[in-house]
């Protein structure tokens, strides 16, 4: 079993499948993703994990977890009387995504501790807060009192992506 993420700009077309094929689908509206993004502090690392690895193999335990999420999400969405329906589904989905991100990074041999670094964390926070106005790496390096070269080297070593690429990816994500 696996979890496959299909992005808004992609089309999935099944050309053939085996007799034992079975699938469950959850489709999120752009509005829901935008609402969800407001709650996620570091949404770009999330997005990049999913974007760079859209197919995630699931153990039986993970499959059961996904099935529970699917059933609970369906239950929440179908309860039209619940005035907290949107907030409930957002938090359930955040729980699911955080769990999957942890499992994904664990499978890659990464831990939150190895990814986090105060300077990198502050850089990503600054980018989240300023990417619409400031596109220059020098701006962020000056704010953090380090050289641009040091910042990009550290960010690349800790995240696998250069500092400039982080800025550009935030800009692109916003445009999408």
C-alpha atoms as a PDB file:
ATOM      1  CA  UNK A   1       0.000   0.000   0.000  1.00  0.00           C
ATOM      2  CA  UNK A   2       1.061   3.570  -0.599  1.00  0.00           C
ATOM      3  CA  UNK A   3      -0.053   7.157  -0.260  1.00  0.00           C
ATOM      4  CA  UNK A   4       0.077   9.168  -3.489  1.00  0.00           C
ATOM      5  CA  UNK A   5      -0.189  12.940  -3.590  1.00  0.00           C
ATOM      6  CA  UNK A   6      -1.426  14.509  -6.802  1.00  0.00           C
ATOM      7  CA  UNK A   7      -0.862  18.225  -7.072  1.00  0.00           C
ATOM      8  CA  UNK A   8      -3.316  20.713  -8.581  1.00  0.00           C
ATOM      9  CA  UNK A   9      -1.288  21.018 -11.779  1.00  0.00           C
ATOM     10  CA  UNK A  10      -1.146  17.248 -12.342  1.00  0.00           C
ATOM     11  CA  UNK A  11      -3.589  14.811 -13.892  1.00  0.00           C
ATOM     12  CA  UNK A  12      -3.876  11.187 -12.865  1.00  0.00           C
ATOM     13  CA  UNK A  13      -5.101   8.786 -15.503  1.00  0.00           C
ATOM     14  CA  UNK A  14      -5.364   5.067 -14.827  1.00  0.00           C
ATOM     15  CA  UNK A  15      -4.670   3.159 -18.003  1.00  0.00           C
ATOM     16  CA  UNK A  16      -5.087  -0.264 -16.463  1.00  0.00           C
ATOM     17  CA  UNK A  17      -5.234  -1.852 -13.050  1.00  0.00           C
ATOM     18  CA  UNK A  18      -5.250  -5.310 -11.543  1.00  0.00           C
ATOM     19  CA  UNK A  19      -8.353  -7.075 -10.260  1.00  0.00           C
ATOM     20  CA  UNK A  20      -7.245  -6.566  -6.670  1.00  0.00           C
ATOM     21  CA  UNK A  21      -6.755  -2.794  -7.073  1.00  0.00           C
ATOM     22  CA  UNK A  22      -8.480  -0.680  -4.477  1.00  0.00           C
ATOM     23  CA  UNK A  23      -8.096   2.975  -3.612  1.00  0.00           C
ATOM     24  CA  UNK A  24      -9.449   5.671  -1.363  1.00  0.00           C
ATOM     25  CA  UNK A  25      -9.349   9.283  -2.446  1.00  0.00           C
ATOM     26  CA  UNK A  26      -9.427  12.549  -0.582  1.00  0.00           C
ATOM     27  CA  UNK A  27      -9.629  15.716  -2.637  1.00  0.00           C
ATOM     28  CA  UNK A  28      -8.841  18.992  -0.899  1.00  0.00           C
ATOM     29  CA  UNK A  29     -10.111  22.276  -2.307  1.00  0.00           C
ATOM     30  CA  UNK A  30      -7.673  25.139  -2.758  1.00  0.00           C
ATOM     31  CA  UNK A  31      -9.677  27.067  -0.158  1.00  0.00           C
ATOM     32  CA  UNK A  32      -9.219  24.252   2.362  1.00  0.00           C
ATOM     33  CA  UNK A  33      -5.478  24.049   1.697  1.00  0.00           C
ATOM     34  CA  UNK A  34      -5.205  27.828   2.157  1.00  0.00           C
ATOM     35  CA  UNK A  35      -7.126  27.604   5.452  1.00  0.00           C
ATOM     36  CA  UNK A  36      -4.915  24.712   6.541  1.00  0.00           C
ATOM     37  CA  UNK A  37      -1.753  26.608   5.578  1.00  0.00           C
ATOM     38  CA  UNK A  38      -2.648  29.414   7.969  1.00  0.00           C
ATOM     39  CA  UNK A  39      -2.271  26.953  10.846  1.00  0.00           C
ATOM     40  CA  UNK A  40       0.974  25.350   9.748  1.00  0.00           C
ATOM     41  CA  UNK A  41       3.999  27.298  10.968  1.00  0.00           C
ATOM     42  CA  UNK A  42       6.481  25.862   8.517  1.00  0.00           C
ATOM     43  CA  UNK A  43       4.273  25.124   5.548  1.00  0.00           C
ATOM     44  CA  UNK A  44       6.992  25.115   2.903  1.00  0.00           C
ATOM     45  CA  UNK A  45       9.013  22.235   4.389  1.00  0.00           C
ATOM     46  CA  UNK A  46       5.716  20.319   4.492  1.00  0.00           C
ATOM     47  CA  UNK A  47       4.979  21.197   0.918  1.00  0.00           C
ATOM     48  CA  UNK A  48       8.476  20.282  -0.239  1.00  0.00           C
ATOM     49  CA  UNK A  49       8.404  16.911   1.518  1.00  0.00           C
ATOM     50  CA  UNK A  50       5.147  16.070  -0.234  1.00  0.00           C
ATOM     51  CA  UNK A  51       6.104  17.654  -3.555  1.00  0.00           C
ATOM     52  CA  UNK A  52       9.509  15.982  -3.767  1.00  0.00           C
ATOM     53  CA  UNK A  53       8.215  12.561  -2.712  1.00  0.00           C
ATOM     54  CA  UNK A  54       4.596  12.255  -3.851  1.00  0.00           C
ATOM     55  CA  UNK A  55       4.560   8.466  -3.360  1.00  0.00           C
ATOM     56  CA  UNK A  56       5.011   7.262   0.208  1.00  0.00           C
ATOM     57  CA  UNK A  57       4.964   3.531   0.909  1.00  0.00           C
ATOM     58  CA  UNK A  58       2.823   2.639   3.898  1.00  0.00           C
ATOM     59  CA  UNK A  59       3.320  -0.105   6.435  1.00  0.00           C
ATOM     60  CA  UNK A  60       0.202  -1.937   7.591  1.00  0.00           C
ATOM     61  CA  UNK A  61       0.174   0.252  10.698  1.00  0.00           C
ATOM     62  CA  UNK A  62       0.423   3.428   8.604  1.00  0.00           C
ATOM     63  CA  UNK A  63      -2.313   2.173   6.302  1.00  0.00           C
ATOM     64  CA  UNK A  64      -4.561   1.625   9.311  1.00  0.00           C
ATOM     65  CA  UNK A  65      -3.748   5.147  10.488  1.00  0.00           C
ATOM     66  CA  UNK A  66      -4.658   6.536   7.067  1.00  0.00           C
ATOM     67  CA  UNK A  67      -7.913   4.550   7.045  1.00  0.00           C
ATOM     68  CA  UNK A  68      -8.795   5.941  10.476  1.00  0.00           C
ATOM     69  CA  UNK A  69      -8.066   9.460   9.207  1.00  0.00           C
ATOM     70  CA  UNK A  70     -10.209   8.889   6.122  1.00  0.00           C
ATOM     71  CA  UNK A  71     -13.143   7.539   8.152  1.00  0.00           C
ATOM     72  CA  UNK A  72     -12.912  10.337  10.734  1.00  0.00           C
ATOM     73  CA  UNK A  73     -12.577  13.023   8.034  1.00  0.00           C
ATOM     74  CA  UNK A  74     -15.638  11.683   6.246  1.00  0.00           C
ATOM     75  CA  UNK A  75     -17.580  11.662   9.518  1.00  0.00           C
ATOM     76  CA  UNK A  76     -16.603  15.273  10.283  1.00  0.00           C
ATOM     77  CA  UNK A  77     -17.374  16.569   6.792  1.00  0.00           C
ATOM     78  CA  UNK A  78     -20.786  14.891   6.712  1.00  0.00           C
ATOM     79  CA  UNK A  79     -21.872  16.469  10.001  1.00  0.00           C
ATOM     80  CA  UNK A  80     -23.273  19.688   8.519  1.00  0.00           C
ATOM     81  CA  UNK A  81     -24.749  20.759  11.885  1.00  0.00           C
ATOM     82  CA  UNK A  82     -21.334  21.104  13.514  1.00  0.00           C
ATOM     83  CA  UNK A  83     -20.356  24.807  13.562  1.00  0.00           C
ATOM     84  CA  UNK A  84     -16.726  23.779  14.216  1.00  0.00           C
ATOM     85  CA  UNK A  85     -16.536  21.423  11.267  1.00  0.00           C
ATOM     86  CA  UNK A  86     -13.856  23.381   9.365  1.00  0.00           C
ATOM     87  CA  UNK A  87     -11.630  23.830  12.422  1.00  0.00           C
ATOM     88  CA  UNK A  88     -12.055  20.164  13.354  1.00  0.00           C
ATOM     89  CA  UNK A  89     -11.095  18.860   9.910  1.00  0.00           C
ATOM     90  CA  UNK A  90      -8.163  21.300   9.732  1.00  0.00           C
ATOM     91  CA  UNK A  91      -6.742  20.047  13.019  1.00  0.00           C
ATOM     92  CA  UNK A  92      -7.349  16.408  12.138  1.00  0.00           C
ATOM     93  CA  UNK A  93      -5.550  16.962   8.831  1.00  0.00           C
ATOM     94  CA  UNK A  94      -2.678  18.777  10.563  1.00  0.00           C
ATOM     95  CA  UNK A  95      -2.310  15.806  12.896  1.00  0.00           C
ATOM     96  CA  UNK A  96      -2.209  13.469   9.924  1.00  0.00           C
ATOM     97  CA  UNK A  97       0.282  15.597   7.955  1.00  0.00           C
ATOM     98  CA  UNK A  98       2.597  16.128  10.938  1.00  0.00           C
ATOM     99  CA  UNK A  99       2.571  12.374  11.578  1.00  0.00           C
ATOM    100  CA  UNK A 100       3.339  11.604   7.934  1.00  0.00           C
ATOM    101  CA  UNK A 101       6.088  14.245   7.795  1.00  0.00           C
ATOM    102  CA  UNK A 102       7.703  12.737  10.883  1.00  0.00           C
ATOM    103  CA  UNK A 103       7.476   9.229   9.407  1.00  0.00           C
ATOM    104  CA  UNK A 104       8.820  10.468   6.064  1.00  0.00           C
ATOM    105  CA  UNK A 105      11.815  12.156   7.669  1.00  0.00           C
ATOM    106  CA  UNK A 106      12.388   9.206   9.976  1.00  0.00           C
ATOM    107  CA  UNK A 107      12.433   6.879   6.942  1.00  0.00           C
ATOM    108  CA  UNK A 108      15.023   9.160   5.313  1.00  0.00           C
ATOM    109  CA  UNK A 109      17.135   9.032   8.478  1.00  0.00           C
ATOM    110  CA  UNK A 110      16.443  12.654   9.401  1.00  0.00           C
ATOM    111  CA  UNK A 111      15.176  13.890  12.706  1.00  0.00           C
ATOM    112  CA  UNK A 112      13.653  17.184  13.649  1.00  0.00           C
ATOM    113  CA  UNK A 113      16.739  17.787  15.778  1.00  0.00           C
ATOM    114  CA  UNK A 114      19.114  17.456  12.820  1.00  0.00           C
ATOM    115  CA  UNK A 115      16.972  19.698  10.664  1.00  0.00           C
ATOM    116  CA  UNK A 116      16.442  22.400  13.268  1.00  0.00           C
ATOM    117  CA  UNK A 117      19.140  24.924  13.971  1.00  0.00           C
ATOM    118  CA  UNK A 118      18.388  28.301  15.565  1.00  0.00           C
ATOM    119  CA  UNK A 119      19.872  30.188  12.624  1.00  0.00           C
ATOM    120  CA  UNK A 120      18.047  28.058  10.042  1.00  0.00           C
ATOM    121  CA  UNK A 121      14.813  28.287  12.035  1.00  0.00           C
ATOM    122  CA  UNK A 122      15.153  32.077  12.248  1.00  0.00           C
ATOM    123  CA  UNK A 123      15.964  32.269   8.546  1.00  0.00           C
ATOM    124  CA  UNK A 124      12.855  30.284   7.598  1.00  0.00           C
ATOM    125  CA  UNK A 125      10.764  32.431   9.939  1.00  0.00           C
ATOM    126  CA  UNK A 126      12.145  35.612   8.363  1.00  0.00           C
ATOM    127  CA  UNK A 127      11.430  34.264   4.883  1.00  0.00           C
ATOM    128  CA  UNK A 128       7.838  33.401   5.860  1.00  0.00           C
ATOM    129  CA  UNK A 129       7.360  36.918   7.202  1.00  0.00           C
ATOM    130  CA  UNK A 130       9.171  38.867   4.455  1.00  0.00           C
ATOM    131  CA  UNK A 131       9.303  36.931   1.176  1.00  0.00           C
ATOM    132  CA  UNK A 132       6.624  39.109  -0.444  1.00  0.00           C
ATOM    133  CA  UNK A 133       8.743  42.227   0.053  1.00  0.00           C
ATOM    134  CA  UNK A 134      12.354  41.070   0.229  1.00  0.00           C
ATOM    135  CA  UNK A 135      13.762  38.653  -2.346  1.00  0.00           C
ATOM    136  CA  UNK A 136      17.464  39.258  -1.751  1.00  0.00           C
ATOM    137  CA  UNK A 137      19.532  36.806   0.274  1.00  0.00           C
ATOM    138  CA  UNK A 138      21.547  39.773   1.573  1.00  0.00           C
ATOM    139  CA  UNK A 139      18.461  41.105   3.385  1.00  0.00           C
ATOM    140  CA  UNK A 140      18.075  37.868   5.349  1.00  0.00           C
ATOM    141  CA  UNK A 141      21.812  37.480   6.004  1.00  0.00           C
ATOM    142  CA  UNK A 142      22.002  41.062   7.335  1.00  0.00           C
ATOM    143  CA  UNK A 143      19.004  40.478   9.601  1.00  0.00           C
ATOM    144  CA  UNK A 144      20.705  37.371  10.995  1.00  0.00           C
ATOM    145  CA  UNK A 145      24.135  39.068  11.241  1.00  0.00           C
ATOM    146  CA  UNK A 146      25.916  36.493   9.072  1.00  0.00           C
ATOM    147  CA  UNK A 147      27.368  36.500   5.583  1.00  0.00           C
ATOM    148  CA  UNK A 148      25.224  35.400   2.660  1.00  0.00           C
ATOM    149  CA  UNK A 149      27.715  32.649   1.896  1.00  0.00           C
ATOM    150  CA  UNK A 150      27.603  31.243   5.431  1.00  0.00           C
ATOM    151  CA  UNK A 151      23.805  31.412   5.510  1.00  0.00           C
ATOM    152  CA  UNK A 152      23.357  29.577   2.228  1.00  0.00           C
ATOM    153  CA  UNK A 153      25.942  26.928   3.206  1.00  0.00           C
ATOM    154  CA  UNK A 154      24.301  26.267   6.572  1.00  0.00           C
ATOM    155  CA  UNK A 155      20.757  26.257   5.193  1.00  0.00           C
ATOM    156  CA  UNK A 156      21.775  23.880   2.392  1.00  0.00           C
ATOM    157  CA  UNK A 157      23.521  21.545   4.844  1.00  0.00           C
ATOM    158  CA  UNK A 158      20.577  21.462   7.279  1.00  0.00           C
ATOM    159  CA  UNK A 159      17.640  21.420   4.837  1.00  0.00           C
ATOM    160  CA  UNK A 160      19.047  20.143   1.563  1.00  0.00           C
ATOM    161  CA  UNK A 161      17.909  23.343  -0.166  1.00  0.00           C
ATOM    162  CA  UNK A 162      19.845  26.591  -0.628  1.00  0.00           C
ATOM    163  CA  UNK A 163      18.696  29.759   1.114  1.00  0.00           C
ATOM    164  CA  UNK A 164      17.946  31.417  -2.238  1.00  0.00           C
ATOM    165  CA  UNK A 165      15.865  28.421  -3.288  1.00  0.00           C
ATOM    166  CA  UNK A 166      13.828  28.702  -0.074  1.00  0.00           C
ATOM    167  CA  UNK A 167      13.006  32.321  -0.873  1.00  0.00           C
ATOM    168  CA  UNK A 168      12.101  31.462  -4.466  1.00  0.00           C
ATOM    169  CA  UNK A 169       9.971  28.497  -3.395  1.00  0.00           C
ATOM    170  CA  UNK A 170       7.952  30.684  -1.022  1.00  0.00           C
ATOM    171  CA  UNK A 171       7.368  33.153  -3.853  1.00  0.00           C
ATOM    172  CA  UNK A 172       6.322  30.365  -6.240  1.00  0.00           C
ATOM    173  CA  UNK A 173       4.078  28.719  -3.637  1.00  0.00           C
ATOM    174  CA  UNK A 174       2.313  32.022  -3.018  1.00  0.00           C
ATOM    175  CA  UNK A 175       1.816  32.534  -6.766  1.00  0.00           C
ATOM    176  CA  UNK A 176       0.231  29.091  -7.081  1.00  0.00           C
END
